[in-house]
């Protein structure tokens, strides 16, 4: 079967934050398993910290639901009931806080959940392309590099030459040699606005990196996102046996969850 063309989602608005802490939006939706999908009701359940504004727009729920679906965690069934997948249920069990404030996940064992995510996400052509690109670029990418790389990645076969272009641009100090940006190219020409690319690239890094499990959430001092130490070898080992699907496949949520081999029952 021919591998699908890469179709990039440059309009993502939700952020998938799982590790080291669940975002309030994500935590709220992951608690809705088995409930009728109702954005207004879910919105009202998002906890608000001191000094934070009360969310009033249901787009916050809709955007979060989108990234949860695209990561294989949850979906709306034929009766419009919100359901966790086996991967979603496993993540909840691993990441939730217990009555004593402790949770099963720790720095020492978080790779176990990360491996489940990687098994599923590596099957998605768009996510695989970014993970392979990071692997070939010393395990790191900046917002600027990703924004430019996405514009030239049309197929998985483009990863090698794109990685070479990024490495060359680092040596020359000229990221424009990678090519134009896929997202708001003209808007980021001004040096003062260039850092704003983080808003556009953050959802893509977080979705591909399982909300901080596979790709670190924060940038290092040089402005790079980096692969988690355990991920590199597993990426290479997983590719050989992985199927390939487009993120635009209408069954993508269940396909990711199925290939994750997460232990909880699959709906």
Protein backbone atom coordinates (compact mmCIF):
# COMPACT_ATOMS: atom_id res chain seq x y z
CA UNK A 1 0.00 0.00 0.00
CA UNK A 2 1.33 3.44 -0.93
CA UNK A 3 2.06 5.75 1.96
CA UNK A 4 -0.35 8.70 2.26
CA UNK A 5 0.68 12.21 1.37
CA UNK A 6 1.39 14.41 4.37
CA UNK A 7 -1.49 16.78 5.12
CA UNK A 8 -0.55 19.27 7.79
CA UNK A 9 -3.07 20.78 10.20
CA UNK A 10 -1.95 24.38 10.62
CA UNK A 11 -5.20 25.48 12.26
CA UNK A 12 -4.96 23.50 15.52
CA UNK A 13 -6.02 25.55 18.52
CA UNK A 14 -6.09 23.01 21.35
CA UNK A 15 -3.00 22.06 23.34
CA UNK A 16 -2.54 18.46 24.47
CA UNK A 17 -0.78 18.87 27.82
CA UNK A 18 -0.34 15.56 29.68
CA UNK A 19 3.11 15.62 31.29
CA UNK A 20 4.48 16.70 33.66
CA UNK A 21 0.99 18.03 34.49
CA UNK A 22 -2.40 17.64 32.89
CA UNK A 23 -3.88 20.91 31.70
CA UNK A 24 -7.28 21.75 33.27
CA UNK A 25 -9.02 21.45 29.89
CA UNK A 26 -7.56 18.02 29.17
CA UNK A 27 -8.14 16.76 32.72
CA UNK A 28 -11.79 17.84 32.55
CA UNK A 29 -12.56 16.09 29.28
CA UNK A 30 -10.81 12.91 30.34
CA UNK A 31 -13.31 12.71 33.22
CA UNK A 32 -16.32 12.74 30.91
CA UNK A 33 -16.19 9.10 29.80
CA UNK A 34 -19.70 7.74 29.27
CA UNK A 35 -21.42 11.14 29.43
CA UNK A 36 -23.44 12.83 26.73
CA UNK A 37 -21.20 15.21 24.82
CA UNK A 38 -22.21 18.73 25.86
CA UNK A 39 -19.69 21.53 25.37
CA UNK A 40 -21.53 23.95 27.65
CA UNK A 41 -21.67 21.43 30.50
CA UNK A 42 -18.03 20.40 30.06
CA UNK A 43 -16.96 24.04 29.93
CA UNK A 44 -18.56 24.67 33.31
CA UNK A 45 -16.53 21.86 34.87
CA UNK A 46 -13.10 23.24 33.90
CA UNK A 47 -11.44 24.28 37.19
CA UNK A 48 -10.20 27.85 37.48
CA UNK A 49 -7.14 28.78 39.51
CA UNK A 50 -6.66 31.96 41.51
CA UNK A 51 -6.49 35.00 39.27
CA UNK A 52 -7.52 33.10 36.14
CA UNK A 53 -10.41 34.19 33.95
CA UNK A 54 -13.52 32.03 33.87
CA UNK A 55 -13.73 30.45 30.39
CA UNK A 56 -16.94 31.44 28.61
CA UNK A 57 -16.33 30.14 25.09
CA UNK A 58 -17.19 26.54 24.25
CA UNK A 59 -14.41 26.58 21.66
CA UNK A 60 -12.08 25.75 24.55
CA UNK A 61 -13.88 22.41 24.90
CA UNK A 62 -14.19 21.83 21.15
CA UNK A 63 -10.49 22.49 20.54
CA UNK A 64 -9.47 20.19 23.38
CA UNK A 65 -11.79 17.45 22.12
CA UNK A 66 -10.14 17.73 18.70
CA UNK A 67 -6.61 17.13 19.98
CA UNK A 68 -7.78 14.30 22.25
CA UNK A 69 -9.31 12.62 19.21
CA UNK A 70 -6.21 13.21 17.07
CA UNK A 71 -4.04 11.64 19.76
CA UNK A 72 -6.17 8.51 20.08
CA UNK A 73 -7.53 9.29 23.55
CA UNK A 74 -11.27 9.96 23.21
CA UNK A 75 -14.10 10.19 20.71
CA UNK A 76 -17.84 10.81 20.36
CA UNK A 77 -19.76 7.64 19.56
CA UNK A 78 -22.81 7.24 17.32
CA UNK A 79 -25.11 8.32 20.18
CA UNK A 80 -22.92 11.39 20.82
CA UNK A 81 -21.64 9.91 24.07
CA UNK A 82 -18.07 10.86 24.94
CA UNK A 83 -15.85 7.78 25.21
CA UNK A 84 -12.29 7.14 26.23
CA UNK A 85 -10.35 4.65 24.15
CA UNK A 86 -8.17 1.97 25.71
CA UNK A 87 -5.27 4.43 25.39
CA UNK A 88 -7.32 7.19 27.02
CA UNK A 89 -8.35 4.95 29.90
CA UNK A 90 -4.74 3.84 30.41
CA UNK A 91 -3.55 7.46 30.43
CA UNK A 92 -6.19 8.42 33.02
CA UNK A 93 -5.20 5.56 35.31
CA UNK A 94 -1.53 6.42 35.01
CA UNK A 95 -1.73 10.21 35.25
CA UNK A 96 -4.57 10.76 37.72
CA UNK A 97 -3.93 11.97 41.25
CA UNK A 98 -5.00 9.62 44.04
CA UNK A 99 -6.78 10.54 47.25
CA UNK A 100 -3.43 11.17 48.94
CA UNK A 101 -2.31 13.47 46.12
CA UNK A 102 0.01 10.85 44.67
CA UNK A 103 -0.28 9.36 41.21
CA UNK A 104 1.17 6.20 39.66
CA UNK A 105 3.23 8.14 37.07
CA UNK A 106 6.74 9.32 37.90
CA UNK A 107 9.90 10.30 36.05
CA UNK A 108 11.11 6.73 36.50
CA UNK A 109 8.12 5.02 34.87
CA UNK A 110 6.52 7.60 32.57
CA UNK A 111 8.21 5.96 29.60
CA UNK A 112 5.83 3.01 29.98
CA UNK A 113 2.87 5.22 29.06
CA UNK A 114 5.02 7.02 26.50
CA UNK A 115 5.72 3.74 24.75
CA UNK A 116 1.99 3.06 24.37
CA UNK A 117 1.54 6.48 22.78
CA UNK A 118 4.53 6.01 20.50
CA UNK A 119 3.27 2.63 19.28
CA UNK A 120 0.07 4.35 18.12
CA UNK A 121 1.36 7.75 17.00
CA UNK A 122 4.18 6.30 14.88
CA UNK A 123 1.47 4.82 12.63
CA UNK A 124 0.27 8.31 11.67
CA UNK A 125 2.24 9.58 8.67
CA UNK A 126 2.33 13.21 9.79
CA UNK A 127 3.49 12.39 13.32
CA UNK A 128 6.02 9.87 12.06
CA UNK A 129 7.54 12.45 9.73
CA UNK A 130 8.15 14.90 12.59
CA UNK A 131 9.52 12.23 14.94
CA UNK A 132 11.89 10.95 12.25
CA UNK A 133 12.92 14.49 11.41
CA UNK A 134 13.78 15.18 15.06
CA UNK A 135 15.71 11.93 15.26
CA UNK A 136 17.80 12.87 12.20
CA UNK A 137 18.31 16.42 13.53
CA UNK A 138 20.13 15.45 16.73
CA UNK A 139 16.88 14.83 18.59
CA UNK A 140 15.84 18.48 18.53
CA UNK A 141 13.89 21.03 16.51
CA UNK A 142 13.05 24.70 16.98
CA UNK A 143 9.76 26.38 16.17
CA UNK A 144 11.42 28.15 13.25
CA UNK A 145 12.79 24.89 11.85
CA UNK A 146 9.52 23.01 12.16
CA UNK A 147 7.53 25.84 10.60
CA UNK A 148 9.82 25.80 7.56
CA UNK A 149 10.21 22.01 7.43
CA UNK A 150 6.47 21.35 7.25
CA UNK A 151 6.22 23.36 4.03
CA UNK A 152 8.63 21.02 2.23
CA UNK A 153 7.49 17.70 3.76
CA UNK A 154 5.02 16.35 1.20
CA UNK A 155 5.76 12.66 1.78
CA UNK A 156 7.75 10.55 4.21
CA UNK A 157 10.45 10.25 1.56
CA UNK A 158 11.14 13.98 2.03
CA UNK A 159 12.33 13.55 5.63
CA UNK A 160 15.97 12.80 4.78
CA UNK A 161 16.55 15.78 2.50
CA UNK A 162 14.65 18.08 4.87
CA UNK A 163 16.81 16.97 7.78
CA UNK A 164 19.93 17.66 5.69
CA UNK A 165 18.61 21.17 4.97
CA UNK A 166 18.02 21.84 8.67
CA UNK A 167 21.48 20.64 9.69
CA UNK A 168 23.03 22.78 6.94
CA UNK A 169 21.03 25.82 8.09
CA UNK A 170 22.36 25.39 11.63
CA UNK A 171 25.91 25.41 10.33
CA UNK A 172 25.33 28.52 8.24
CA UNK A 173 23.12 30.26 10.77
CA UNK A 174 20.54 30.87 8.03
CA UNK A 175 17.18 29.13 8.64
CA UNK A 176 15.74 30.67 5.45
CA UNK A 177 17.78 28.09 3.51
CA UNK A 178 15.32 25.43 4.72
CA UNK A 179 12.58 27.14 2.71
CA UNK A 180 9.50 29.30 3.41
CA UNK A 181 7.34 28.77 6.46
CA UNK A 182 4.10 26.83 6.11
CA UNK A 183 2.35 29.01 8.69
CA UNK A 184 2.06 32.81 8.36
CA UNK A 185 5.37 33.20 6.55
CA UNK A 186 5.10 36.96 6.04
CA UNK A 187 3.88 37.58 9.59
CA UNK A 188 7.09 36.26 11.14
CA UNK A 189 9.60 38.13 8.97
CA UNK A 190 9.92 40.79 11.65
CA UNK A 191 12.36 39.73 14.36
CA UNK A 192 10.08 41.04 17.09
CA UNK A 193 7.21 38.78 15.98
CA UNK A 194 9.29 35.68 15.20
CA UNK A 195 8.96 34.28 18.71
CA UNK A 196 5.18 34.24 18.20
CA UNK A 197 5.64 31.15 16.01
CA UNK A 198 5.46 29.21 19.26
CA UNK A 199 1.68 29.68 19.27
CA UNK A 200 1.39 28.02 15.88
CA UNK A 201 3.95 25.25 16.43
CA UNK A 202 3.13 24.40 20.04
CA UNK A 203 -0.05 22.40 19.28
CA UNK A 204 1.81 20.41 16.60
CA UNK A 205 4.76 19.60 18.88
CA UNK A 206 2.42 18.64 21.71
CA UNK A 207 0.19 16.45 19.54
CA UNK A 208 3.13 14.65 17.94
CA UNK A 209 4.91 14.35 21.27
CA UNK A 210 1.99 12.95 23.27
CA UNK A 211 1.53 16.05 25.38
CA UNK A 212 5.07 16.14 26.75
CA UNK A 213 5.76 12.41 27.04
CA UNK A 214 7.73 11.93 23.81
CA UNK A 215 8.80 15.52 23.04
CA UNK A 216 9.59 17.79 25.97
CA UNK A 217 7.04 20.56 26.51
CA UNK A 218 9.53 23.31 27.30
CA UNK A 219 12.27 24.62 25.03
CA UNK A 220 15.89 24.40 26.11
CA UNK A 221 18.10 27.48 26.44
CA UNK A 222 18.77 27.46 22.68
CA UNK A 223 15.06 27.38 21.80
CA UNK A 224 14.87 23.71 20.86
CA UNK A 225 12.25 21.09 21.72
CA UNK A 226 13.97 17.78 22.42
CA UNK A 227 13.02 14.12 22.30
CA UNK A 228 12.71 12.34 25.64
CA UNK A 229 15.87 10.23 26.27
CA UNK A 230 14.04 6.90 26.00
CA UNK A 231 12.24 7.73 22.74
CA UNK A 232 14.98 7.64 20.10
CA UNK A 233 15.68 3.91 20.08
CA UNK A 234 12.01 3.05 20.37
CA UNK A 235 11.14 5.21 17.34
CA UNK A 236 13.55 3.23 15.20
CA UNK A 237 12.39 -0.11 16.59
CA UNK A 238 8.69 0.76 16.11
CA UNK A 239 8.86 1.93 12.50
CA UNK A 240 9.66 -1.47 11.01
CA UNK A 241 6.37 -3.05 12.07
CA UNK A 242 4.15 0.07 12.10
CA UNK A 243 1.23 0.55 9.75
CA UNK A 244 0.79 3.99 8.15
CA UNK A 245 -2.34 6.14 8.18
CA UNK A 246 -3.11 9.78 7.53
CA UNK A 247 -4.17 11.94 10.46
CA UNK A 248 -7.17 12.88 8.30
CA UNK A 249 -8.47 9.31 8.34
CA UNK A 250 -11.96 9.46 9.94
CA UNK A 251 -11.05 6.43 12.07
CA UNK A 252 -7.73 7.85 13.23
CA UNK A 253 -8.68 7.94 16.94
CA UNK A 254 -9.44 4.24 17.10
CA UNK A 255 -6.53 3.31 14.82
CA UNK A 256 -4.04 5.03 17.12
CA UNK A 257 -5.63 3.48 20.20
CA UNK A 258 -5.62 0.00 18.63
CA UNK A 259 -1.95 0.15 17.63
CA UNK A 260 -0.95 1.60 21.02
CA UNK A 261 -1.51 -1.83 22.56
CA UNK A 262 -2.66 -0.08 25.74
CA UNK A 263 -4.12 -2.66 28.15
CA UNK A 264 -7.62 -1.32 28.92
CA UNK A 265 -10.61 -2.63 26.90
CA UNK A 266 -11.25 -0.92 23.58
CA UNK A 267 -14.78 0.36 22.85
